Amino acid sequence: MLVSNILKEIEHSGSILKRAYLMAGQAIQRRIMQDTYQLRKELKQRNIKVLEDGQEELIVYHKIFCRGYQERFGMMRDVMRTEISLRLTKYTAELGELLKDHLK
């Protein structure tokens, strides 16, 4: 969702590089969707279900169901932001490497 919002902002911008930014953002968005699809597929194969369970102050909770067991898992918003930032950095670096290889 974060990348989608950024892409919408870029679409409405007057930047000269708008087209290039959109293409890069869409490539990153596709990569995120591929990873999400693979993760959901693997969770389904292992019969693991993850459901949102609300939030309290700075913690987001999920319920995890696996092999008849249920566990409540909480993650702080700051940790989530850091992980998102790290993954976006990774996707951007991957795209940069692809561009470098293509332009050689």
PDB file of N, CA and C in Angstrom:
ATOM      1  N   MET A   1       0.824  -1.180   0.000  1.00  0.00           N
ATOM      2  CA  MET A   1       0.000   0.000   0.000  1.00  0.00           C
ATOM      3  C   MET A   1       0.874   1.252   0.000  1.00  0.00           C
ATOM      4  N   LEU A   2       1.958   1.215   0.718  1.00  0.00           N
ATOM      5  CA  LEU A   2       2.866   2.355   0.784  1.00  0.00           C
ATOM      6  C   LEU A   2       3.377   2.714  -0.607  1.00  0.00           C
ATOM      7  N   VAL A   3       3.813   1.720  -1.358  1.00  0.00           N
ATOM      8  CA  VAL A   3       4.352   1.971  -2.694  1.00  0.00           C
ATOM      9  C   VAL A   3       3.249   2.485  -3.614  1.00  0.00           C
ATOM     10  N   SER A   4       2.041   1.956  -3.487  1.00  0.00           N
ATOM     11  CA  SER A   4       0.908   2.428  -4.303  1.00  0.00           C
ATOM     12  C   SER A   4       0.645   3.908  -4.072  1.00  0.00           C
ATOM     13  N   ASN A   5       0.684   4.326  -2.823  1.00  0.00           N
ATOM     14  CA  ASN A   5       0.462   5.743  -2.506  1.00  0.00           C
ATOM     15  C   ASN A   5       1.549   6.621  -3.108  1.00  0.00           C
ATOM     16  N   ILE A   6       2.776   6.159  -3.035  1.00  0.00           N
ATOM     17  CA  ILE A   6       3.887   6.923  -3.607  1.00  0.00           C
ATOM     18  C   ILE A   6       3.736   7.023  -5.124  1.00  0.00           C
ATOM     19  N   LEU A   7       3.320   5.918  -5.761  1.00  0.00           N
ATOM     20  CA  LEU A   7       3.120   5.939  -7.210  1.00  0.00           C
ATOM     21  C   LEU A   7       2.022   6.927  -7.606  1.00  0.00           C
ATOM     22  N   LYS A   8       0.966   7.009  -6.809  1.00  0.00           N
ATOM     23  CA  LYS A   8      -0.106   7.975  -7.089  1.00  0.00           C
ATOM     24  C   LYS A   8       0.415   9.405  -6.988  1.00  0.00           C
ATOM     25  N   GLU A   9       1.259   9.663  -5.992  1.00  0.00           N
ATOM     26  CA  GLU A   9       1.853  10.998  -5.851  1.00  0.00           C
ATOM     27  C   GLU A   9       2.710  11.340  -7.061  1.00  0.00           C
ATOM     28  N   ILE A  10       3.485  10.366  -7.518  1.00  0.00           N
ATOM     29  CA  ILE A  10       4.361  10.589  -8.674  1.00  0.00           C
ATOM     30  C   ILE A  10       3.531  10.873  -9.919  1.00  0.00           C
ATOM     31  N   GLU A  11       2.422  10.132 -10.096  1.00  0.00           N
ATOM     32  CA  GLU A  11       1.560  10.335 -11.265  1.00  0.00           C
ATOM     33  C   GLU A  11       1.067  11.777 -11.356  1.00  0.00           C
ATOM     34  N   HIS A  12       0.807  12.383 -10.220  1.00  0.00           N
ATOM     35  CA  HIS A  12       0.265  13.741 -10.201  1.00  0.00           C
ATOM     36  C   HIS A  12       1.350  14.817 -10.116  1.00  0.00           C
ATOM     37  N   SER A  13       2.592  14.402 -10.099  1.00  0.00           N
ATOM     38  CA  SER A  13       3.677  15.378 -10.010  1.00  0.00           C
ATOM     39  C   SER A  13       3.994  15.931 -11.399  1.00  0.00           C
ATOM     40  N   GLY A  14       4.722  16.989 -11.421  1.00  0.00           N
ATOM     41  CA  GLY A  14       5.124  17.588 -12.686  1.00  0.00           C
ATOM     42  C   GLY A  14       6.578  17.296 -13.012  1.00  0.00           C
ATOM     43  N   SER A  15       7.142  16.304 -12.382  1.00  0.00           N
ATOM     44  CA  SER A  15       8.560  15.993 -12.544  1.00  0.00           C
ATOM     45  C   SER A  15       8.891  15.570 -13.972  1.00  0.00           C
ATOM     46  N   ILE A  16      10.033  16.010 -14.428  1.00  0.00           N
ATOM     47  CA  ILE A  16      10.518  15.625 -15.751  1.00  0.00           C
ATOM     48  C   ILE A  16      10.800  14.121 -15.788  1.00  0.00           C
ATOM     49  N   LEU A  17      11.208  13.574 -14.664  1.00  0.00           N
ATOM     50  CA  LEU A  17      11.543  12.151 -14.584  1.00  0.00           C
ATOM     51  C   LEU A  17      10.363  11.291 -14.128  1.00  0.00           C
ATOM     52  N   LYS A  18       9.159  11.839 -14.232  1.00  0.00           N
ATOM     53  CA  LYS A  18       7.967  11.142 -13.750  1.00  0.00           C
ATOM     54  C   LYS A  18       7.864   9.732 -14.332  1.00  0.00           C
ATOM     55  N   ARG A  19       8.035   9.600 -15.624  1.00  0.00           N
ATOM     56  CA  ARG A  19       7.907   8.287 -16.282  1.00  0.00           C
ATOM     57  C   ARG A  19       8.932   7.294 -15.742  1.00  0.00           C
ATOM     58  N   ALA A  20      10.162   7.730 -15.567  1.00  0.00           N
ATOM     59  CA  ALA A  20      11.214   6.846 -15.049  1.00  0.00           C
ATOM     60  C   ALA A  20      10.908   6.426 -13.612  1.00  0.00           C
ATOM     61  N   TYR A  21      10.462   7.380 -12.797  1.00  0.00           N
ATOM     62  CA  TYR A  21      10.115   7.063 -11.408  1.00  0.00           C
ATOM     63  C   TYR A  21       8.951   6.084 -11.343  1.00  0.00           C
ATOM     64  N   LEU A  22       7.955   6.281 -12.212  1.00  0.00           N
ATOM     65  CA  LEU A  22       6.808   5.371 -12.233  1.00  0.00           C
ATOM     66  C   LEU A  22       7.233   3.957 -12.618  1.00  0.00           C
ATOM     67  N   MET A  23       8.086   3.856 -13.627  1.00  0.00           N
ATOM     68  CA  MET A  23       8.546   2.537 -14.069  1.00  0.00           C
ATOM     69  C   MET A  23       9.328   1.842 -12.958  1.00  0.00           C
ATOM     70  N   ALA A  24      10.191   2.578 -12.287  1.00  0.00           N
ATOM     71  CA  ALA A  24      10.971   1.995 -11.188  1.00  0.00           C
ATOM     72  C   ALA A  24      10.052   1.587 -10.041  1.00  0.00           C
ATOM     73  N   GLY A  25       9.114   2.447  -9.691  1.00  0.00           N
ATOM     74  CA  GLY A  25       8.180   2.142  -8.613  1.00  0.00           C
ATOM     75  C   GLY A  25       7.321   0.936  -8.924  1.00  0.00           C
ATOM     76  N   GLN A  26       6.880   0.833 -10.172  1.00  0.00           N
ATOM     77  CA  GLN A  26       6.064  -0.316 -10.570  1.00  0.00           C
ATOM     78  C   GLN A  26       6.875  -1.606 -10.538  1.00  0.00           C
ATOM     79  N   ALA A  27       8.147  -1.536 -10.916  1.00  0.00           N
ATOM     80  CA  ALA A  27       9.008  -2.723 -10.859  1.00  0.00           C
ATOM     81  C   ALA A  27       9.191  -3.171  -9.409  1.00  0.00           C
ATOM     82  N   ILE A  28       9.398  -2.225  -8.517  1.00  0.00           N
ATOM     83  CA  ILE A  28       9.537  -2.551  -7.093  1.00  0.00           C
ATOM     84  C   ILE A  28       8.227  -3.116  -6.557  1.00  0.00           C
ATOM     85  N   GLN A  29       7.117  -2.529  -6.965  1.00  0.00           N
ATOM     86  CA  GLN A  29       5.808  -3.020  -6.521  1.00  0.00           C
ATOM     87  C   GLN A  29       5.574  -4.463  -6.986  1.00  0.00           C
ATOM     88  N   ARG A  30       5.950  -4.775  -8.229  1.00  0.00           N
ATOM     89  CA  ARG A  30       5.820  -6.158  -8.725  1.00  0.00           C
ATOM     90  C   ARG A  30       6.662  -7.117  -7.893  1.00  0.00           C
ATOM     91  N   ARG A  31       7.867  -6.703  -7.557  1.00  0.00           N
ATOM     92  CA  ARG A  31       8.770  -7.550  -6.753  1.00  0.00           C
ATOM     93  C   ARG A  31       8.178  -7.802  -5.370  1.00  0.00           C
ATOM     94  N   ILE A  32       7.583  -6.782  -4.772  1.00  0.00           N
ATOM     95  CA  ILE A  32       6.934  -6.929  -3.465  1.00  0.00           C
ATOM     96  C   ILE A  32       5.785  -7.926  -3.576  1.00  0.00           C
ATOM     97  N   MET A  33       4.980  -7.798  -4.637  1.00  0.00           N
ATOM     98  CA  MET A  33       3.843  -8.704  -4.817  1.00  0.00           C
ATOM     99  C   MET A  33       4.308 -10.141  -5.039  1.00  0.00           C
ATOM    100  N   GLN A  34       5.415 -10.324  -5.761  1.00  0.00           N
ATOM    101  CA  GLN A  34       5.963 -11.670  -5.958  1.00  0.00           C
ATOM    102  C   GLN A  34       6.381 -12.282  -4.624  1.00  0.00           C
ATOM    103  N   ASP A  35       7.082 -11.516  -3.814  1.00  0.00           N
ATOM    104  CA  ASP A  35       7.513 -12.016  -2.504  1.00  0.00           C
ATOM    105  C   ASP A  35       6.319 -12.330  -1.609  1.00  0.00           C
ATOM    106  N   THR A  36       5.317 -11.457  -1.634  1.00  0.00           N
ATOM    107  CA  THR A  36       4.119 -11.670  -0.821  1.00  0.00           C
ATOM    108  C   THR A  36       3.392 -12.933  -1.267  1.00  0.00           C
ATOM    109  N   TYR A  37       3.283 -13.127  -2.578  1.00  0.00           N
ATOM    110  CA  TYR A  37       2.632 -14.327  -3.112  1.00  0.00           C
ATOM    111  C   TYR A  37       3.369 -15.585  -2.665  1.00  0.00           C
ATOM    112  N   GLN A  38       4.703 -15.574  -2.769  1.00  0.00           N
ATOM    113  CA  GLN A  38       5.494 -16.740  -2.368  1.00  0.00           C
ATOM    114  C   GLN A  38       5.341 -17.029  -0.878  1.00  0.00           C
ATOM    115  N   LEU A  39       5.335 -15.986  -0.069  1.00  0.00           N
ATOM    116  CA  LEU A  39       5.182 -16.156   1.372  1.00  0.00           C
ATOM    117  C   LEU A  39       3.819 -16.748   1.713  1.00  0.00           C
ATOM    118  N   ARG A  40       2.765 -16.210   1.108  1.00  0.00           N
ATOM    119  CA  ARG A  40       1.417 -16.736   1.369  1.00  0.00           C
ATOM    120  C   ARG A  40       1.291 -18.182   0.908  1.00  0.00           C
ATOM    121  N   LYS A  41       1.903 -18.493  -0.226  1.00  0.00           N
ATOM    122  CA  LYS A  41       1.879 -19.860  -0.755  1.00  0.00           C
ATOM    123  C   LYS A  41       2.563 -20.819   0.222  1.00  0.00           C
ATOM    124  N   GLU A  42       3.722 -20.420   0.728  1.00  0.00           N
ATOM    125  CA  GLU A  42       4.455 -21.264   1.671  1.00  0.00           C
ATOM    126  C   GLU A  42       3.686 -21.436   2.981  1.00  0.00           C
ATOM    127  N   LEU A  43       3.091 -20.371   3.486  1.00  0.00           N
ATOM    128  CA  LEU A  43       2.289 -20.478   4.706  1.00  0.00           C
ATOM    129  C   LEU A  43       1.118 -21.432   4.496  1.00  0.00           C
ATOM    130  N   LYS A  44       0.479 -21.346   3.335  1.00  0.00           N
ATOM    131  CA  LYS A  44      -0.655 -22.228   3.034  1.00  0.00           C
ATOM    132  C   LYS A  44      -0.196 -23.678   2.955  1.00  0.00           C
ATOM    133  N   GLN A  45       0.943 -23.934   2.311  1.00  0.00           N
ATOM    134  CA  GLN A  45       1.478 -25.295   2.208  1.00  0.00           C
ATOM    135  C   GLN A  45       1.776 -25.878   3.581  1.00  0.00           C
ATOM    136  N   ARG A  46       2.196 -25.044   4.500  1.00  0.00           N
ATOM    137  CA  ARG A  46       2.518 -25.502   5.857  1.00  0.00           C
ATOM    138  C   ARG A  46       1.310 -25.442   6.789  1.00  0.00           C
ATOM    139  N   ASN A  47       0.160 -25.079   6.222  1.00  0.00           N
ATOM    140  CA  ASN A  47      -1.095 -24.983   6.968  1.00  0.00           C
ATOM    141  C   ASN A  47      -0.980 -24.019   8.156  1.00  0.00           C
ATOM    142  N   ILE A  48      -0.396 -22.870   7.898  1.00  0.00           N
ATOM    143  CA  ILE A  48      -0.247 -21.819   8.910  1.00  0.00           C
ATOM    144  C   ILE A  48      -1.152 -20.658   8.511  1.00  0.00           C
ATOM    145  N   LYS A  49      -1.964 -20.205   9.449  1.00  0.00           N
ATOM    146  CA  LYS A  49      -2.844 -19.066   9.193  1.00  0.00           C
ATOM    147  C   LYS A  49      -2.436 -17.909  10.092  1.00  0.00           C
ATOM    148  N   VAL A  50      -2.423 -16.722   9.516  1.00  0.00           N
ATOM    149  CA  VAL A  50      -2.086 -15.507  10.257  1.00  0.00           C
ATOM    150  C   VAL A  50      -3.240 -14.523  10.074  1.00  0.00           C
ATOM    151  N   LEU A  51      -3.825 -14.104  11.194  1.00  0.00           N
ATOM    152  CA  LEU A  51      -4.951 -13.170  11.158  1.00  0.00           C
ATOM    153  C   LEU A  51      -4.641 -11.935  11.990  1.00  0.00           C
ATOM    154  N   GLU A  52      -5.086 -10.785  11.508  1.00  0.00           N
ATOM    155  CA  GLU A  52      -4.915  -9.557  12.287  1.00  0.00           C
ATOM    156  C   GLU A  52      -5.722  -9.657  13.571  1.00  0.00           C
ATOM    157  N   ASP A  53      -5.161  -9.138  14.652  1.00  0.00           N
ATOM    158  CA  ASP A  53      -5.831  -9.216  15.954  1.00  0.00           C
ATOM    159  C   ASP A  53      -5.864  -7.853  16.645  1.00  0.00           C
ATOM    160  N   GLY A  54      -5.811  -6.793  15.862  1.00  0.00           N
ATOM    161  CA  GLY A  54      -5.929  -5.459  16.432  1.00  0.00           C
ATOM    162  C   GLY A  54      -4.602  -4.857  16.841  1.00  0.00           C
ATOM    163  N   GLN A  55      -4.702  -3.690  17.474  1.00  0.00           N
ATOM    164  CA  GLN A  55      -3.502  -3.002  17.924  1.00  0.00           C
ATOM    165  C   GLN A  55      -3.789  -2.243  19.199  1.00  0.00           C
ATOM    166  N   GLU A  56      -2.773  -2.132  19.994  1.00  0.00           N
ATOM    167  CA  GLU A  56      -2.841  -1.388  21.245  1.00  0.00           C
ATOM    168  C   GLU A  56      -1.641  -0.454  21.283  1.00  0.00           C
ATOM    169  N   GLU A  57      -1.905   0.813  21.351  1.00  0.00           N
ATOM    170  CA  GLU A  57      -0.870   1.843  21.366  1.00  0.00           C
ATOM    171  C   GLU A  57       0.120   1.641  20.226  1.00  0.00           C
ATOM    172  N   LEU A  58       1.336   1.215  20.515  1.00  0.00           N
ATOM    173  CA  LEU A  58       2.377   1.120  19.487  1.00  0.00           C
ATOM    174  C   LEU A  58       2.630  -0.305  19.016  1.00  0.00           C
ATOM    175  N   ILE A  59       1.758  -1.244  19.382  1.00  0.00           N
ATOM    176  CA  ILE A  59       1.974  -2.651  19.038  1.00  0.00           C
ATOM    177  C   ILE A  59       0.828  -3.153  18.162  1.00  0.00           C
ATOM    178  N   VAL A  60       1.181  -3.842  17.059  1.00  0.00           N
ATOM    179  CA  VAL A  60       0.204  -4.465  16.166  1.00  0.00           C
ATOM    180  C   VAL A  60       0.231  -5.965  16.455  1.00  0.00           C
ATOM    181  N   TYR A  61      -0.952  -6.537  16.717  1.00  0.00           N
ATOM    182  CA  TYR A  61      -1.050  -7.949  17.082  1.00  0.00           C
ATOM    183  C   TYR A  61      -1.630  -8.788  15.945  1.00  0.00           C
ATOM    184  N   HIS A  62      -1.153 -10.037  15.862  1.00  0.00           N
ATOM    185  CA  HIS A  62      -1.676 -11.031  14.928  1.00  0.00           C
ATOM    186  C   HIS A  62      -1.872 -12.337  15.682  1.00  0.00           C
ATOM    187  N   LYS A  63      -2.854 -13.124  15.242  1.00  0.00           N
ATOM    188  CA  LYS A  63      -3.025 -14.479  15.760  1.00  0.00           C
ATOM    189  C   LYS A  63      -2.453 -15.430  14.729  1.00  0.00           C
ATOM    190  N   ILE A  64      -1.675 -16.392  15.218  1.00  0.00           N
ATOM    191  CA  ILE A  64      -1.055 -17.376  14.344  1.00  0.00           C
ATOM    192  C   ILE A  64      -1.602 -18.745  14.725  1.00  0.00           C
ATOM    193  N   PHE A  65      -2.125 -19.463  13.730  1.00  0.00           N
ATOM    194  CA  PHE A  65      -2.672 -20.804  13.933  1.00  0.00           C
ATOM    195  C   PHE A  65      -1.795 -21.801  13.185  1.00  0.00           C
ATOM    196  N   CYS A  66      -1.300 -22.823  13.904  1.00  0.00           N
ATOM    197  CA  CYS A  66      -0.431 -23.826  13.293  1.00  0.00           C
ATOM    198  C   CYS A  66      -0.562 -25.142  14.049  1.00  0.00           C
ATOM    199  N   ARG A  67      -0.909 -26.201  13.326  1.00  0.00           N
ATOM    200  CA  ARG A  67      -0.999 -27.559  13.885  1.00  0.00           C
ATOM    201  C   ARG A  67      -1.845 -27.623  15.152  1.00  0.00           C
ATOM    202  N   GLY A  68      -2.952 -26.939  15.147  1.00  0.00           N
ATOM    203  CA  GLY A  68      -3.857 -26.970  16.288  1.00  0.00           C
ATOM    204  C   GLY A  68      -3.502 -26.012  17.413  1.00  0.00           C
ATOM    205  N   TYR A  69      -2.392 -25.340  17.297  1.00  0.00           N
ATOM    206  CA  TYR A  69      -1.983 -24.375  18.316  1.00  0.00           C
ATOM    207  C   TYR A  69      -2.322 -22.967  17.851  1.00  0.00           C
ATOM    208  N   GLN A  70      -2.511 -22.095  18.824  1.00  0.00           N
ATOM    209  CA  GLN A  70      -2.791 -20.689  18.536  1.00  0.00           C
ATOM    210  C   GLN A  70      -1.852 -19.837  19.378  1.00  0.00           C
ATOM    211  N   GLU A  71      -1.278 -18.838  18.748  1.00  0.00           N
ATOM    212  CA  GLU A  71      -0.356 -17.942  19.448  1.00  0.00           C
ATOM    213  C   GLU A  71      -0.681 -16.505  19.056  1.00  0.00           C
ATOM    214  N   ARG A  72      -0.556 -15.615  19.993  1.00  0.00           N
ATOM    215  CA  ARG A  72      -0.738 -14.188  19.708  1.00  0.00           C
ATOM    216  C   ARG A  72       0.647 -13.561  19.606  1.00  0.00           C
ATOM    217  N   PHE A  73       0.861 -12.850  18.507  1.00  0.00           N
ATOM    218  CA  PHE A  73       2.167 -12.266  18.219  1.00  0.00           C
ATOM    219  C   PHE A  73       2.009 -10.758  18.071  1.00  0.00           C
ATOM    220  N   GLY A  74       2.829 -10.012  18.768  1.00  0.00           N
ATOM    221  CA  GLY A  74       2.785  -8.559  18.679  1.00  0.00           C
ATOM    222  C   GLY A  74       4.101  -8.001  18.174  1.00  0.00           C
ATOM    223  N   MET A  75       4.005  -6.970  17.337  1.00  0.00           N
ATOM    224  CA  MET A  75       5.206  -6.331  16.819  1.00  0.00           C
ATOM    225  C   MET A  75       5.041  -4.820  16.943  1.00  0.00           C
ATOM    226  N   MET A  76       6.076  -4.180  17.427  1.00  0.00           N
ATOM    227  CA  MET A  76       6.041  -2.724  17.578  1.00  0.00           C
ATOM    228  C   MET A  76       6.075  -2.050  16.205  1.00  0.00           C
ATOM    229  N   ARG A  77       5.366  -0.952  16.107  1.00  0.00           N
ATOM    230  CA  ARG A  77       5.297  -0.215  14.842  1.00  0.00           C
ATOM    231  C   ARG A  77       6.684   0.227  14.362  1.00  0.00           C
ATOM    232  N   ASP A  78       7.548   0.616  15.282  1.00  0.00           N
ATOM    233  CA  ASP A  78       8.900   1.044  14.898  1.00  0.00           C
ATOM    234  C   ASP A  78       9.677  -0.094  14.251  1.00  0.00           C
ATOM    235  N   VAL A  79       9.508  -1.296  14.774  1.00  0.00           N
ATOM    236  CA  VAL A  79      10.178  -2.466  14.197  1.00  0.00           C
ATOM    237  C   VAL A  79       9.641  -2.715  12.790  1.00  0.00           C
ATOM    238  N   MET A  80       8.325  -2.582  12.631  1.00  0.00           N
ATOM    239  CA  MET A  80       7.716  -2.772  11.315  1.00  0.00           C
ATOM    240  C   MET A  80       8.237  -1.736  10.321  1.00  0.00           C
ATOM    241  N   ARG A  81       8.317  -0.487  10.740  1.00  0.00           N
ATOM    242  CA  ARG A  81       8.826   0.573   9.858  1.00  0.00           C
ATOM    243  C   ARG A  81      10.267   0.295   9.434  1.00  0.00           C
ATOM    244  N   THR A  82      11.070  -0.148  10.379  1.00  0.00           N
ATOM    245  CA  THR A  82      12.467  -0.458  10.076  1.00  0.00           C
ATOM    246  C   THR A  82      12.559  -1.597   9.073  1.00  0.00           C
ATOM    247  N   GLU A  83      11.771  -2.646   9.275  1.00  0.00           N
ATOM    248  CA  GLU A  83      11.785  -3.795   8.358  1.00  0.00           C
ATOM    249  C   GLU A  83      11.321  -3.384   6.960  1.00  0.00           C
ATOM    250  N   ILE A  84      10.292  -2.572   6.889  1.00  0.00           N
ATOM    251  CA  ILE A  84       9.810  -2.082   5.593  1.00  0.00           C
ATOM    252  C   ILE A  84      10.904  -1.278   4.898  1.00  0.00           C
ATOM    253  N   SER A  85      11.567  -0.417   5.640  1.00  0.00           N
ATOM    254  CA  SER A  85      12.642   0.398   5.079  1.00  0.00           C
ATOM    255  C   SER A  85      13.784  -0.474   4.555  1.00  0.00           C
ATOM    256  N   LEU A  86      14.163  -1.489   5.324  1.00  0.00           N
ATOM    257  CA  LEU A  86      15.239  -2.391   4.903  1.00  0.00           C
ATOM    258  C   LEU A  86      14.866  -3.144   3.630  1.00  0.00           C
ATOM    259  N   ARG A  87      13.631  -3.621   3.576  1.00  0.00           N
ATOM    260  CA  ARG A  87      13.200  -4.365   2.381  1.00  0.00           C
ATOM    261  C   ARG A  87      13.101  -3.460   1.162  1.00  0.00           C
ATOM    262  N   LEU A  88      12.592  -2.244   1.333  1.00  0.00           N
ATOM    263  CA  LEU A  88      12.538  -1.316   0.200  1.00  0.00           C
ATOM    264  C   LEU A  88      13.943  -0.979  -0.291  1.00  0.00           C
ATOM    265  N   THR A  89      14.879  -0.846   0.628  1.00  0.00           N
ATOM    266  CA  THR A  89      16.274  -0.608   0.252  1.00  0.00           C
ATOM    267  C   THR A  89      16.810  -1.780  -0.557  1.00  0.00           C
ATOM    268  N   LYS A  90      16.485  -2.994  -0.129  1.00  0.00           N
ATOM    269  CA  LYS A  90      16.922  -4.204  -0.843  1.00  0.00           C
ATOM    270  C   LYS A  90      16.333  -4.242  -2.251  1.00  0.00           C
ATOM    271  N   TYR A  91      15.030  -3.987  -2.374  1.00  0.00           N
ATOM    272  CA  TYR A  91      14.385  -4.000  -3.692  1.00  0.00           C
ATOM    273  C   TYR A  91      14.970  -2.920  -4.601  1.00  0.00           C
ATOM    274  N   THR A  92      15.236  -1.753  -4.051  1.00  0.00           N
ATOM    275  CA  THR A  92      15.808  -0.663  -4.833  1.00  0.00           C
ATOM    276  C   THR A  92      17.213  -1.021  -5.306  1.00  0.00           C
ATOM    277  N   ALA A  93      17.991  -1.643  -4.432  1.00  0.00           N
ATOM    278  CA  ALA A  93      19.346  -2.067  -4.806  1.00  0.00           C
ATOM    279  C   ALA A  93      19.296  -3.120  -5.909  1.00  0.00           C
ATOM    280  N   GLU A  94      18.355  -4.062  -5.804  1.00  0.00           N
ATOM    281  CA  GLU A  94      18.201  -5.086  -6.846  1.00  0.00           C
ATOM    282  C   GLU A  94      17.870  -4.442  -8.188  1.00  0.00           C
ATOM    283  N   LEU A  95      16.961  -3.474  -8.170  1.00  0.00           N
ATOM    284  CA  LEU A  95      16.589  -2.780  -9.400  1.00  0.00           C
ATOM    285  C   LEU A  95      17.785  -2.010  -9.959  1.00  0.00           C
ATOM    286  N   GLY A  96      18.551  -1.381  -9.086  1.00  0.00           N
ATOM    287  CA  GLY A  96      19.752  -0.668  -9.516  1.00  0.00           C
ATOM    288  C   GLY A  96      20.756  -1.590 -10.180  1.00  0.00           C
ATOM    289  N   GLU A  97      20.941  -2.776  -9.624  1.00  0.00           N
ATOM    290  CA  GLU A  97      21.866  -3.752 -10.217  1.00  0.00           C
ATOM    291  C   GLU A  97      21.378  -4.197 -11.593  1.00  0.00           C
ATOM    292  N   LEU A  98      20.071  -4.425 -11.721  1.00  0.00           N
ATOM    293  CA  LEU A  98      19.513  -4.807 -13.025  1.00  0.00           C
ATOM    294  C   LEU A  98      19.756  -3.715 -14.060  1.00  0.00           C
ATOM    295  N   LEU A  99      19.564  -2.471 -13.662  1.00  0.00           N
ATOM    296  CA  LEU A  99      19.798  -1.355 -14.583  1.00  0.00           C
ATOM    297  C   LEU A  99      21.268  -1.251 -14.972  1.00  0.00           C
ATOM    298  N   LYS A 100      22.155  -1.411 -13.999  1.00  0.00           N
ATOM    299  CA  LYS A 100      23.596  -1.361 -14.290  1.00  0.00           C
ATOM    300  C   LYS A 100      23.983  -2.447 -15.277  1.00  0.00           C
ATOM    301  N   ASP A 101      23.487  -3.671 -15.038  1.00  0.00           N
ATOM    302  CA  ASP A 101      23.803  -4.787 -15.930  1.00  0.00           C
ATOM    303  C   ASP A 101      23.251  -4.546 -17.332  1.00  0.00           C
ATOM    304  N   HIS A 102      22.064  -3.966 -17.400  1.00  0.00           N
ATOM    305  CA  HIS A 102      21.422  -3.715 -18.692  1.00  0.00           C
ATOM    306  C   HIS A 102      22.143  -2.619 -19.478  1.00  0.00           C
ATOM    307  N   LEU A 103      22.716  -1.652 -18.782  1.00  0.00           N
ATOM    308  CA  LEU A 103      23.350  -0.514 -19.449  1.00  0.00           C
ATOM    309  C   LEU A 103      24.818  -0.750 -19.800  1.00  0.00           C
ATOM    310  N   LYS A 104      25.347  -1.903 -19.484  1.00  0.00           N
ATOM    311  CA  LYS A 104      26.759  -2.195 -19.794  1.00  0.00           C
ATOM    312  C   LYS A 104      26.972  -2.378 -21.267  1.00  0.00           C
TER     313      LYS A 104
END
